[in-house]
Each structure stands twice: as C-alpha cells, then as structure tokens.
Amino acid sequence: MATKRKTAASAAPATAPSAAAPVFEAPVESWADTILRTNFASVEQDSIVLLQAASSLLESDSPDPDKVNIALDQNLKLWIAIKTVLLNDDCPVEPEVKANLRNLAQYVVSTTMLATQGAIETSKLVSLARLNMNIAEGLLSGQRNRMIQERAYQIWEEDGRPEGCEQEHWLRAEAEITGLFKV
C-alpha cells in the first residue's frame, strides 16, 4: 500500500486543527538538534533519538498524509544532522563506520526524496524505520561491549592480576552487565 505524500504544491492551505482531530507534533528539541548537540558521542541519547524516529515512521503509516510528511521530514533532518556530524573531525566514530553511516544517510535522503514525488510505499517507511532501529541497536551493542571490557579489567585487577583468567573475567563481567541491562 502506498501512502500519498503531500508536496508543497499539493498541500492544502494550513487551517487550525479541529478539537476532535489529534495533532501529530514534532518533538520539542528536534532529533537533529540532539544529534548535533551530542556530536554522535552519547550512545544512549543517540540511540533513543533513532528509536523515536523509527517509531514515528512506523506510526505514520495511516490515511493521514500529514503524519507521513512530518515523520519523513524529521527523519530526513535527523540523517542530515548525522551526516553533518560525521564530517566533523571531533566526531569519535571510527573512519570505516563513518563511511558506512554516510552511505546510509545518502540512502535515507534518496528514499525520502522519492517520496516527495508522490506516494511512498509502506515497505519504504518500514525500511527507514528498521534502518534506524538497527543503527540504535549497534550503538547500544558497542556500548555494552565497552562496559564488559571495562568491568572485566576491574575484576582482573581485583583478583590480583592473575595470568590466564581472561575468559573467566570476561564471562563474569558479561553476566554482571547483562544483569544490569535486564533491570
């Protein structure tokens, strides 16, 4: 099923929303603003933003083209911000990951631009949402591994720095960190 996307030329004139119709509003601080502020260095905040954008895309698939427009526009701004931050030398992301994220940003831009030409397939909305969810999951997974590594080192030091116990320390740290994530 395709959802009709309003372009500037086809959009109806702005009117005040009726009391019965719920208004779909963008967040107070835009997702793009969050990324620009964090410089893509705050894993938790960046992941939340990507998940919020994914949720917005999935919820926008309805007969209301305004929801689709807002979700696509906000997601596009988010990815333009990500691409902008990746060009910054201060961005802590590894060069290979930067290149991959820039390619993904280009995919988001081209997919969104196709939508401005009329209709966007539901599968494209889902694809954009899944992309956001996968990037968020990857960010959190990397954070989890860093936490396990740091905790394994602490355990090694607490145990008197014994030789040959790396796997035991890693597994203990992994169990502790996994327990934190379940809470």
Protein backbone atom coordinates (compact mmCIF):
# COMPACT_ATOMS: atom_id res chain seq x y z
CA MET A 1 0.00 0.00 0.00
CA ALA A 2 1.28 3.45 -0.86
CA THR A 3 0.69 6.50 1.26
CA LYS A 4 0.22 9.77 -0.59
CA ARG A 5 2.82 12.33 0.41
CA LYS A 6 1.86 15.97 0.16
CA THR A 7 4.35 18.18 -1.59
CA ALA A 8 4.46 21.92 -1.12
CA ALA A 9 2.46 22.34 -4.33
CA SER A 10 -0.22 19.81 -3.44
CA ALA A 11 -0.58 20.58 0.26
CA ALA A 12 -3.85 22.05 1.39
CA PRO A 13 -3.75 25.52 2.97
CA ALA A 14 -3.00 25.45 6.67
CA THR A 15 -6.04 25.53 8.91
CA ALA A 16 -6.43 25.29 12.64
CA PRO A 17 -6.89 21.68 13.76
CA SER A 18 -10.35 20.79 14.96
CA ALA A 19 -10.84 19.79 18.58
CA ALA A 20 -11.70 16.22 17.53
CA ALA A 21 -8.61 15.66 15.39
CA PRO A 22 -5.42 14.79 17.28
CA VAL A 23 -2.40 16.82 16.27
CA PHE A 24 0.80 14.99 15.36
CA GLU A 25 3.61 17.24 16.60
CA ALA A 26 7.36 17.14 16.24
CA PRO A 27 9.39 16.82 19.46
CA VAL A 28 10.31 19.99 21.36
CA GLU A 29 14.03 19.51 20.70
CA SER A 30 14.25 18.02 17.25
CA TRP A 31 16.07 14.77 16.80
CA ALA A 32 18.53 16.55 14.53
CA ASP A 33 19.25 19.09 17.27
CA THR A 34 20.01 16.26 19.69
CA ILE A 35 22.50 14.66 17.29
CA LEU A 36 24.16 17.99 16.60
CA ARG A 37 24.41 18.65 20.35
CA THR A 38 25.81 15.21 21.24
CA ASN A 39 28.16 15.06 18.23
CA PHE A 40 27.06 11.41 17.88
CA ALA A 41 29.08 10.65 21.02
CA SER A 42 26.29 9.99 23.53
CA VAL A 43 25.30 6.42 22.74
CA GLU A 44 22.19 6.36 24.88
CA GLN A 45 20.77 9.68 23.66
CA ASP A 46 21.63 8.98 20.03
CA SER A 47 20.02 5.54 20.23
CA ILE A 48 16.86 6.97 21.80
CA VAL A 49 16.61 9.56 19.03
CA LEU A 50 16.98 6.90 16.33
CA LEU A 51 14.35 4.72 18.03
CA GLN A 52 11.95 7.67 18.34
CA ALA A 53 12.38 8.42 14.65
CA ALA A 54 11.76 4.75 13.82
CA SER A 55 8.61 4.74 15.93
CA SER A 56 7.40 7.91 14.25
CA LEU A 57 7.90 6.36 10.80
CA LEU A 58 6.04 3.19 11.76
CA GLU A 59 3.17 5.11 13.35
CA SER A 60 2.86 7.44 10.36
CA ASP A 61 1.54 4.77 8.01
CA SER A 62 -2.06 5.86 8.15
CA PRO A 63 -4.59 7.60 5.93
CA ASP A 64 -3.32 10.93 7.29
CA PRO A 65 -0.60 12.18 4.89
CA ASP A 66 0.42 14.87 7.39
CA LYS A 67 1.78 12.18 9.72
CA VAL A 68 3.81 10.72 6.88
CA ASN A 69 5.14 14.15 5.93
CA ILE A 70 6.18 15.04 9.46
CA ALA A 71 7.78 11.65 10.13
CA LEU A 72 9.72 11.67 6.85
CA ASP A 73 10.81 15.30 7.22
CA GLN A 74 12.01 14.79 10.81
CA ASN A 75 13.82 11.57 9.88
CA LEU A 76 15.45 13.32 6.91
CA LYS A 77 16.64 16.16 9.16
CA LEU A 78 17.97 13.58 11.64
CA TRP A 79 20.05 11.86 8.96
CA ILE A 80 21.31 15.14 7.53
CA ALA A 81 22.45 16.02 11.05
CA ILE A 82 24.15 12.62 11.39
CA LYS A 83 25.93 13.16 8.07
CA THR A 84 26.96 16.66 9.15
CA VAL A 85 28.37 15.42 12.46
CA LEU A 86 30.27 12.63 10.71
CA LEU A 87 32.11 15.24 8.64
CA ASN A 88 33.32 16.89 11.86
CA ASP A 89 36.84 15.92 12.94
CA ASP A 90 35.70 15.90 16.59
CA CYS A 91 33.25 13.05 15.95
CA PRO A 92 34.51 9.98 17.87
CA VAL A 93 33.16 7.44 15.34
CA GLU A 94 35.73 5.20 13.62
CA PRO A 95 36.52 6.18 9.99
CA GLU A 96 35.10 2.96 8.50
CA VAL A 97 31.88 3.34 10.49
CA LYS A 98 31.68 7.00 9.43
CA ALA A 99 31.86 5.96 5.77
CA ASN A 100 29.12 3.35 6.26
CA LEU A 101 26.87 5.81 8.10
CA ARG A 102 27.39 8.42 5.36
CA ASN A 103 26.26 5.83 2.79
CA LEU A 104 23.20 5.04 4.89
CA ALA A 105 22.48 8.77 5.18
CA GLN A 106 22.55 9.01 1.38
CA TYR A 107 20.08 6.11 1.16
CA VAL A 108 17.73 7.89 3.58
CA VAL A 109 17.98 11.13 1.60
CA SER A 110 17.31 9.47 -1.77
CA THR A 111 14.44 7.35 -0.41
CA THR A 112 12.85 10.41 1.19
CA MET A 113 13.30 12.48 -1.97
CA LEU A 114 11.50 9.80 -3.98
CA ALA A 115 8.59 10.21 -1.58
CA THR A 116 8.30 13.90 -2.47
CA GLN A 117 7.38 12.84 -5.98
CA GLY A 118 4.05 11.44 -4.86
CA ALA A 119 3.46 8.25 -2.93
CA ILE A 120 5.74 6.31 -0.65
CA GLU A 121 5.33 2.59 -0.24
CA THR A 122 4.70 1.28 3.24
CA SER A 123 7.68 -1.01 2.74
CA LYS A 124 9.93 2.07 2.36
CA LEU A 125 8.65 3.52 5.64
CA VAL A 126 9.34 0.19 7.33
CA SER A 127 12.78 0.04 5.69
CA LEU A 128 13.69 3.50 7.01
CA ALA A 129 12.40 2.59 10.47
CA ARG A 130 14.36 -0.68 10.52
CA LEU A 131 17.49 1.15 9.46
CA ASN A 132 17.12 3.48 12.45
CA MET A 133 16.44 0.57 14.81
CA ASN A 134 19.47 -1.39 13.57
CA ILE A 135 21.80 1.58 13.98
CA ALA A 136 20.46 2.19 17.51
CA GLU A 137 20.96 -1.49 18.36
CA GLY A 138 24.51 -1.37 17.00
CA LEU A 139 25.32 1.71 19.07
CA LEU A 140 24.00 0.07 22.24
CA SER A 141 25.79 -3.20 21.49
CA GLY A 142 29.10 -1.36 21.16
CA GLN A 143 28.42 0.44 24.44
CA ARG A 144 27.62 -2.88 26.13
CA ASN A 145 30.89 -4.43 24.91
CA ARG A 146 32.89 -1.45 26.21
CA MET A 147 31.19 -1.80 29.58
CA ILE A 148 32.00 -5.52 29.70
CA GLN A 149 35.62 -4.85 28.78
CA GLU A 150 35.98 -2.20 31.49
CA ARG A 151 34.35 -4.44 34.11
CA ALA A 152 36.50 -7.45 33.12
CA TYR A 153 39.59 -5.31 33.62
CA GLN A 154 38.33 -4.23 37.07
CA ILE A 155 37.72 -7.88 38.01
CA TRP A 156 41.22 -8.80 36.80
CA GLU A 157 42.72 -6.05 38.98
CA GLU A 158 40.55 -7.03 41.99
CA ASP A 159 41.70 -10.65 41.63
CA GLY A 160 45.36 -9.56 41.77
CA ARG A 161 46.04 -9.53 38.00
CA PRO A 162 46.38 -13.31 37.54
CA GLU A 163 47.61 -14.73 34.22
CA GLY A 164 45.35 -16.93 32.07
CA CYS A 165 42.00 -15.91 33.58
CA GLU A 166 40.84 -13.57 30.79
CA GLN A 167 37.90 -15.72 29.73
CA GLU A 168 36.68 -16.20 33.31
CA HIS A 169 36.89 -12.46 33.97
CA TRP A 170 35.12 -11.64 30.71
CA LEU A 171 32.28 -14.08 31.44
CA ARG A 172 31.84 -12.74 34.98
CA ALA A 173 31.78 -9.17 33.65
CA GLU A 174 29.37 -10.14 30.88
CA ALA A 175 26.99 -11.73 33.39
CA GLU A 176 27.08 -8.61 35.59
CA ILE A 177 26.50 -6.20 32.70
CA THR A 178 23.76 -8.39 31.20
CA GLY A 179 22.08 -8.34 34.59
CA LEU A 180 22.22 -4.53 34.60
CA PHE A 181 20.57 -4.38 31.17
CA LYS A 182 17.74 -6.67 32.30
CA VAL A 183 16.86 -4.43 35.24
